[in-house]
Structure formats: structure tokens, C-alpha cells
N, C-alpha and C. Protein backbone atom coordinates (compact mmCIF):
# COMPACT_ATOMS: atom_id res chain seq x y z
N MET A 1 95.76 104.68 102.26
CA MET A 1 97.09 104.86 102.85
C MET A 1 96.95 105.67 104.13
N GLY A 2 97.63 105.26 105.19
CA GLY A 2 97.56 105.98 106.46
C GLY A 2 98.28 107.31 106.40
N GLU A 3 97.83 108.21 107.23
CA GLU A 3 98.45 109.54 107.29
C GLU A 3 99.79 109.44 108.00
N ILE A 4 100.78 110.10 107.46
CA ILE A 4 102.11 110.11 108.08
C ILE A 4 102.17 111.30 109.03
N ARG A 5 102.53 111.02 110.27
CA ARG A 5 102.57 112.06 111.30
C ARG A 5 104.01 112.53 111.51
N ARG A 6 104.16 113.80 111.84
CA ARG A 6 105.47 114.40 112.07
C ARG A 6 106.23 113.65 113.16
N ALA A 7 105.51 113.19 114.18
CA ALA A 7 106.15 112.50 115.31
C ALA A 7 106.86 111.22 114.86
N ASN A 8 106.44 110.65 113.72
CA ASN A 8 107.02 109.40 113.23
C ASN A 8 108.22 109.62 112.30
N ILE A 9 108.49 110.88 111.97
CA ILE A 9 109.59 111.19 111.04
C ILE A 9 110.71 111.88 111.82
N LYS A 10 111.83 111.20 111.93
CA LYS A 10 112.97 111.72 112.69
C LYS A 10 114.20 111.77 111.79
N PRO A 11 115.14 112.67 112.09
CA PRO A 11 116.40 112.65 111.35
C PRO A 11 117.02 111.25 111.41
N GLY A 12 117.49 110.77 110.28
CA GLY A 12 118.07 109.43 110.20
C GLY A 12 117.10 108.40 109.65
N ALA A 13 115.80 108.73 109.56
CA ALA A 13 114.81 107.79 109.04
C ALA A 13 114.95 107.68 107.52
N ARG A 14 114.77 106.48 106.99
CA ARG A 14 114.78 106.26 105.53
C ARG A 14 113.35 106.43 105.03
N VAL A 15 113.18 107.29 104.03
CA VAL A 15 111.84 107.62 103.54
C VAL A 15 111.81 107.72 102.01
N MET A 16 110.59 107.73 101.46
CA MET A 16 110.36 108.03 100.05
C MET A 16 109.65 109.37 100.01
N VAL A 17 110.17 110.32 99.23
CA VAL A 17 109.57 111.65 99.13
C VAL A 17 109.21 111.96 97.69
N VAL A 18 108.27 112.89 97.53
CA VAL A 18 107.95 113.44 96.21
C VAL A 18 108.40 114.89 96.22
N GLN A 19 109.28 115.25 95.27
CA GLN A 19 109.75 116.62 95.15
C GLN A 19 108.67 117.46 94.46
N LYS A 20 108.73 118.76 94.66
CA LYS A 20 107.73 119.69 94.10
C LYS A 20 107.56 119.48 92.59
N GLN A 21 108.66 119.39 91.86
CA GLN A 21 108.55 119.27 90.41
C GLN A 21 108.04 117.91 89.96
N ASP A 22 108.00 116.92 90.89
CA ASP A 22 107.54 115.57 90.55
C ASP A 22 106.12 115.29 91.03
N GLN A 23 105.42 116.31 91.56
CA GLN A 23 104.09 116.07 92.12
C GLN A 23 103.12 115.53 91.08
N ARG A 24 103.16 116.06 89.86
CA ARG A 24 102.24 115.60 88.82
C ARG A 24 102.50 114.14 88.44
N SER A 25 103.76 113.78 88.27
CA SER A 25 104.09 112.42 87.85
C SER A 25 104.06 111.44 89.03
N GLY A 26 104.25 111.96 90.25
CA GLY A 26 104.27 111.09 91.42
C GLY A 26 105.60 110.37 91.62
N LYS A 27 106.63 110.77 90.86
CA LYS A 27 107.96 110.14 90.98
C LYS A 27 108.48 110.30 92.40
N ARG A 28 108.95 109.21 92.96
CA ARG A 28 109.43 109.23 94.34
C ARG A 28 110.94 109.09 94.39
N THR A 29 111.52 109.72 95.40
CA THR A 29 112.97 109.69 95.61
C THR A 29 113.22 109.15 97.01
N GLU A 30 114.13 108.19 97.12
CA GLU A 30 114.46 107.60 98.42
C GLU A 30 115.64 108.34 99.03
N GLY A 31 115.62 108.48 100.36
CA GLY A 31 116.74 109.10 101.04
C GLY A 31 116.61 109.04 102.54
N ILE A 32 117.59 109.63 103.21
CA ILE A 32 117.64 109.68 104.67
C ILE A 32 117.30 111.11 105.12
N VAL A 33 116.40 111.23 106.09
CA VAL A 33 115.96 112.54 106.58
C VAL A 33 117.11 113.24 107.30
N LYS A 34 117.36 114.49 106.93
CA LYS A 34 118.32 115.34 107.63
C LYS A 34 117.57 116.30 108.55
N ASP A 35 116.56 117.01 107.99
CA ASP A 35 115.77 117.98 108.76
C ASP A 35 114.29 117.79 108.45
N VAL A 36 113.45 117.97 109.48
CA VAL A 36 112.00 118.00 109.30
C VAL A 36 111.60 119.47 109.19
N LEU A 37 110.97 119.85 108.06
CA LEU A 37 110.68 121.25 107.80
C LEU A 37 109.24 121.65 108.17
N THR A 38 108.31 120.69 108.19
CA THR A 38 106.91 120.99 108.55
C THR A 38 106.82 121.14 110.07
N LYS A 39 106.15 122.21 110.51
CA LYS A 39 106.02 122.46 111.95
C LYS A 39 104.78 121.80 112.55
N SER A 40 103.71 121.63 111.74
CA SER A 40 102.47 121.05 112.27
C SER A 40 102.60 119.53 112.42
N ALA A 41 101.71 118.94 113.22
CA ALA A 41 101.76 117.50 113.50
C ALA A 41 101.48 116.67 112.26
N THR A 42 100.59 117.16 111.39
CA THR A 42 100.28 116.46 110.15
C THR A 42 100.15 117.49 109.03
N HIS A 43 100.15 117.01 107.80
CA HIS A 43 99.92 117.88 106.64
C HIS A 43 99.22 117.04 105.58
N PRO A 44 98.17 117.59 104.94
CA PRO A 44 97.42 116.79 103.97
C PRO A 44 98.24 116.25 102.80
N HIS A 45 99.34 116.92 102.43
CA HIS A 45 100.16 116.47 101.32
C HIS A 45 101.43 115.75 101.76
N GLY A 46 101.63 115.61 103.06
CA GLY A 46 102.81 114.93 103.58
C GLY A 46 103.73 115.89 104.32
N ILE A 47 104.51 115.35 105.23
CA ILE A 47 105.45 116.13 106.02
C ILE A 47 106.64 116.50 105.13
N LYS A 48 106.97 117.80 105.10
CA LYS A 48 108.09 118.25 104.26
C LYS A 48 109.40 118.04 105.02
N VAL A 49 110.37 117.45 104.32
CA VAL A 49 111.68 117.16 104.92
C VAL A 49 112.79 117.55 103.95
N ARG A 50 113.98 117.72 104.50
CA ARG A 50 115.20 117.85 103.69
C ARG A 50 115.98 116.56 103.90
N LEU A 51 116.37 115.94 102.79
CA LEU A 51 117.16 114.71 102.88
C LEU A 51 118.64 115.06 103.02
N GLU A 52 119.45 114.07 103.41
CA GLU A 52 120.90 114.30 103.55
C GLU A 52 121.53 114.73 102.23
N SER A 53 120.90 114.36 101.11
CA SER A 53 121.41 114.74 99.79
C SER A 53 121.08 116.18 99.44
N GLY A 54 120.25 116.86 100.28
CA GLY A 54 119.87 118.24 100.01
C GLY A 54 118.50 118.36 99.34
N ILE A 55 117.94 117.24 98.89
CA ILE A 55 116.62 117.25 98.24
C ILE A 55 115.55 117.57 99.27
N VAL A 56 114.60 118.44 98.88
CA VAL A 56 113.46 118.77 99.73
C VAL A 56 112.22 118.16 99.09
N GLY A 57 111.42 117.48 99.90
CA GLY A 57 110.19 116.88 99.38
C GLY A 57 109.26 116.50 100.52
N ARG A 58 108.09 116.01 100.13
CA ARG A 58 107.08 115.60 101.10
C ARG A 58 107.09 114.08 101.23
N VAL A 59 107.10 113.60 102.48
CA VAL A 59 107.18 112.17 102.76
C VAL A 59 105.90 111.48 102.32
N LYS A 60 106.05 110.45 101.49
CA LYS A 60 104.93 109.63 101.06
C LYS A 60 104.96 108.26 101.71
N LYS A 61 106.16 107.82 102.11
CA LYS A 61 106.29 106.49 102.71
C LYS A 61 107.54 106.45 103.58
N ARG A 62 107.41 105.79 104.71
CA ARG A 62 108.57 105.56 105.58
C ARG A 62 109.05 104.14 105.34
N ILE A 63 110.33 103.96 105.15
CA ILE A 63 110.90 102.64 104.87
C ILE A 63 111.48 102.09 106.18
N PRO A 64 110.97 100.95 106.63
CA PRO A 64 111.47 100.39 107.92
C PRO A 64 112.92 99.98 107.87
């Protein structure tokens, strides 16, 4: 799987994220990005975002 870069994640993007409590199971949650919380260009576990629903998680996939 390709690395997801911060530059590719913008507010309004539809993404799949894994929440902290779901890291072991890998359960993914779909939503729309409200805020990008990671400051670095990349992160080994995924770019952390806040979705419009208020959920915070790390981006695992961007949905076109």
C-alpha cells in the first residue's frame, strides 16, 4: 500500500480512518475530513485527522 502524504489530505476529502480504539481490530470508519491534525508531511501510521462527525483517526485510505 502506498504511503499517504499530508499534502494529499485536504478538508472536504472523503477518507477511511482507523480510530485509536480500533487499531488492533483494524476497523475502519468512513467520513469527510474537517481538520488535518498531523503537522509532518508523512507519518508511519497514517495522517491524523478529525472528521466532520468529530471522530479522530489516522487515514488508511482516500476515497476518490
